[in-house]
């Protein structure tokens, strides 16, 4: 049995919706190289896995009171 990992590529609009950010913010982060992209010709796509890693890197733990 093979374990194939499905590659999910998102457009900037879809990435913005996933992160609840503006498309301009996503484009700025791409331009600033804060987000890795996949370029296919002139098309720019973002891997869902990279966005999930971004979320994990920026997650803050709650403080127990």
N, C-alpha and C. Protein backbone atom coordinates (compact mmCIF):
# COMPACT_ATOMS: atom_id res chain seq x y z
N UNK A 1 0.84 -1.18 0.00
CA UNK A 1 0.00 0.00 0.00
C UNK A 1 0.88 1.25 0.00
N UNK A 2 0.67 2.13 -0.94
CA UNK A 2 1.46 3.35 -1.00
C UNK A 2 0.75 4.48 -0.27
N UNK A 3 1.55 5.34 0.31
CA UNK A 3 1.01 6.51 1.01
C UNK A 3 1.33 7.74 0.20
N UNK A 4 0.46 8.05 -0.74
CA UNK A 4 0.68 9.23 -1.56
C UNK A 4 0.13 10.45 -0.84
N UNK A 5 0.92 11.49 -0.83
CA UNK A 5 0.49 12.73 -0.21
C UNK A 5 -0.05 13.63 -1.32
N UNK A 6 -1.28 14.06 -1.17
CA UNK A 6 -1.90 14.89 -2.19
C UNK A 6 -1.38 16.32 -2.07
N UNK A 7 -0.89 16.83 -3.18
CA UNK A 7 -0.38 18.19 -3.23
C UNK A 7 -1.54 19.13 -3.54
N UNK A 8 -1.77 20.09 -2.66
CA UNK A 8 -2.84 21.05 -2.86
C UNK A 8 -2.23 22.42 -3.10
N UNK A 9 -2.47 22.97 -4.28
CA UNK A 9 -1.98 24.30 -4.63
C UNK A 9 -3.15 25.28 -4.61
N UNK A 10 -2.91 26.42 -3.98
CA UNK A 10 -3.96 27.44 -3.86
C UNK A 10 -3.57 28.71 -4.59
N UNK A 11 -4.57 29.40 -5.10
CA UNK A 11 -4.36 30.74 -5.66
C UNK A 11 -4.24 31.71 -4.49
N UNK A 12 -3.74 32.91 -4.77
CA UNK A 12 -3.57 33.90 -3.70
C UNK A 12 -4.90 34.22 -3.02
N UNK A 13 -5.97 34.27 -3.79
CA UNK A 13 -7.29 34.56 -3.22
C UNK A 13 -7.71 33.45 -2.26
N UNK A 14 -7.48 32.21 -2.62
CA UNK A 14 -7.83 31.08 -1.76
C UNK A 14 -6.98 31.07 -0.50
N UNK A 15 -5.69 31.39 -0.63
CA UNK A 15 -4.80 31.45 0.53
C UNK A 15 -5.26 32.56 1.47
N UNK A 16 -5.65 33.69 0.91
CA UNK A 16 -6.13 34.81 1.73
C UNK A 16 -7.38 34.41 2.50
N UNK A 17 -8.28 33.70 1.85
CA UNK A 17 -9.50 33.25 2.52
C UNK A 17 -9.18 32.25 3.62
N UNK A 18 -8.25 31.34 3.35
CA UNK A 18 -7.87 30.34 4.34
C UNK A 18 -7.30 30.99 5.60
N UNK A 19 -6.47 32.03 5.42
CA UNK A 19 -5.82 32.70 6.55
C UNK A 19 -6.62 33.89 7.08
N UNK A 20 -7.75 34.18 6.42
CA UNK A 20 -8.58 35.33 6.78
C UNK A 20 -7.78 36.64 6.72
N UNK A 21 -7.03 36.78 5.62
CA UNK A 21 -6.23 37.97 5.36
C UNK A 21 -6.62 38.54 4.00
N UNK A 22 -6.15 39.74 3.70
CA UNK A 22 -6.43 40.32 2.38
C UNK A 22 -5.48 39.72 1.35
N UNK A 23 -5.91 39.75 0.10
CA UNK A 23 -5.05 39.28 -0.98
C UNK A 23 -3.79 40.12 -1.05
N UNK A 24 -3.90 41.41 -0.76
CA UNK A 24 -2.71 42.29 -0.78
C UNK A 24 -1.67 41.83 0.23
N UNK A 25 -2.11 41.42 1.40
CA UNK A 25 -1.17 40.93 2.41
C UNK A 25 -0.45 39.69 1.90
N UNK A 26 -1.18 38.77 1.31
CA UNK A 26 -0.57 37.56 0.75
C UNK A 26 0.44 37.93 -0.32
N UNK A 27 0.08 38.84 -1.20
CA UNK A 27 1.00 39.27 -2.27
C UNK A 27 2.25 39.93 -1.70
N UNK A 28 2.07 40.77 -0.66
CA UNK A 28 3.23 41.40 -0.03
C UNK A 28 4.15 40.36 0.58
N UNK A 29 3.59 39.38 1.27
CA UNK A 29 4.39 38.33 1.89
C UNK A 29 5.13 37.52 0.84
N UNK A 30 4.50 37.30 -0.33
CA UNK A 30 5.18 36.60 -1.42
C UNK A 30 6.34 37.45 -1.91
N UNK A 31 6.09 38.73 -2.14
CA UNK A 31 7.12 39.65 -2.63
C UNK A 31 8.28 39.76 -1.63
N UNK A 32 7.96 39.75 -0.34
CA UNK A 32 8.97 39.83 0.72
C UNK A 32 9.62 38.46 0.99
N UNK A 33 9.17 37.45 0.29
CA UNK A 33 9.66 36.07 0.43
C UNK A 33 9.38 35.49 1.82
N UNK A 34 8.30 35.95 2.42
CA UNK A 34 7.85 35.38 3.70
C UNK A 34 7.04 34.11 3.46
N UNK A 35 6.53 33.96 2.24
CA UNK A 35 5.78 32.77 1.86
C UNK A 35 6.43 32.14 0.63
N UNK A 36 6.71 30.85 0.67
CA UNK A 36 7.24 30.19 -0.52
C UNK A 36 6.13 29.97 -1.54
N UNK A 37 6.46 30.04 -2.81
CA UNK A 37 5.47 29.86 -3.87
C UNK A 37 5.94 28.84 -4.89
N UNK A 38 4.98 28.37 -5.65
CA UNK A 38 5.26 27.50 -6.79
C UNK A 38 4.86 28.32 -8.02
N UNK A 39 5.80 28.49 -8.94
CA UNK A 39 5.50 29.23 -10.17
C UNK A 39 5.37 28.24 -11.32
N UNK A 40 4.24 28.30 -11.97
CA UNK A 40 3.98 27.47 -13.14
C UNK A 40 3.68 28.44 -14.27
N UNK A 41 4.71 28.69 -15.08
CA UNK A 41 4.58 29.75 -16.08
C UNK A 41 4.44 31.07 -15.35
N UNK A 42 3.39 31.80 -15.66
CA UNK A 42 3.14 33.08 -14.97
C UNK A 42 2.26 32.92 -13.75
N UNK A 43 1.70 31.73 -13.57
CA UNK A 43 0.80 31.48 -12.44
C UNK A 43 1.61 31.30 -11.16
N UNK A 44 1.11 31.88 -10.09
CA UNK A 44 1.72 31.76 -8.77
C UNK A 44 0.75 30.99 -7.88
N UNK A 45 1.25 29.92 -7.28
CA UNK A 45 0.42 29.11 -6.40
C UNK A 45 1.14 28.90 -5.07
N UNK A 46 0.36 28.68 -4.03
CA UNK A 46 0.90 28.44 -2.69
C UNK A 46 0.48 27.04 -2.26
N UNK A 47 1.42 26.32 -1.66
CA UNK A 47 1.10 24.98 -1.16
C UNK A 47 0.35 25.11 0.16
N UNK A 48 -0.74 24.38 0.27
CA UNK A 48 -1.53 24.40 1.50
C UNK A 48 -0.66 24.00 2.70
N UNK A 49 0.23 23.04 2.49
CA UNK A 49 1.13 22.58 3.54
C UNK A 49 1.99 23.73 4.08
N UNK A 50 2.48 24.60 3.19
CA UNK A 50 3.30 25.75 3.63
C UNK A 50 2.47 26.72 4.46
N UNK A 51 1.20 26.90 4.10
CA UNK A 51 0.33 27.80 4.87
C UNK A 51 0.05 27.20 6.25
N UNK A 52 -0.15 25.89 6.30
CA UNK A 52 -0.37 25.23 7.59
C UNK A 52 0.86 25.34 8.48
N UNK A 53 2.05 25.24 7.89
CA UNK A 53 3.29 25.40 8.65
C UNK A 53 3.42 26.83 9.17
N UNK A 54 3.01 27.80 8.37
CA UNK A 54 3.02 29.21 8.79
C UNK A 54 2.14 29.39 10.02
N UNK A 55 0.98 28.77 10.00
CA UNK A 55 0.06 28.86 11.14
C UNK A 55 0.71 28.26 12.38
N UNK A 56 1.31 27.09 12.25
CA UNK A 56 1.96 26.43 13.39
C UNK A 56 3.12 27.25 13.95
N UNK A 57 3.92 27.84 13.05
CA UNK A 57 5.07 28.64 13.51
C UNK A 57 4.64 29.87 14.30
N UNK A 58 3.46 30.38 14.00
CA UNK A 58 2.99 31.61 14.63
C UNK A 58 1.96 31.39 15.73
N UNK A 59 1.73 30.14 16.06
CA UNK A 59 0.75 29.82 17.09
C UNK A 59 1.35 30.11 18.47
N UNK A 60 0.57 30.72 19.32
CA UNK A 60 1.00 31.02 20.68
C UNK A 60 0.20 30.17 21.65
N UNK A 61 0.88 29.64 22.63
CA UNK A 61 0.22 28.84 23.65
C UNK A 61 -0.52 29.75 24.64
N UNK A 62 -1.62 29.28 25.14
CA UNK A 62 -2.37 30.02 26.15
C UNK A 62 -1.64 29.89 27.49
N UNK A 63 -1.76 30.91 28.29
CA UNK A 63 -1.14 30.91 29.62
C UNK A 63 -2.19 30.41 30.62
N UNK A 64 -1.84 29.39 31.38
CA UNK A 64 -2.75 28.86 32.39
C UNK A 64 -2.76 29.79 33.59
N UNK A 65 -3.92 30.18 33.99
CA UNK A 65 -4.06 31.08 35.16
C UNK A 65 -4.46 30.34 36.39
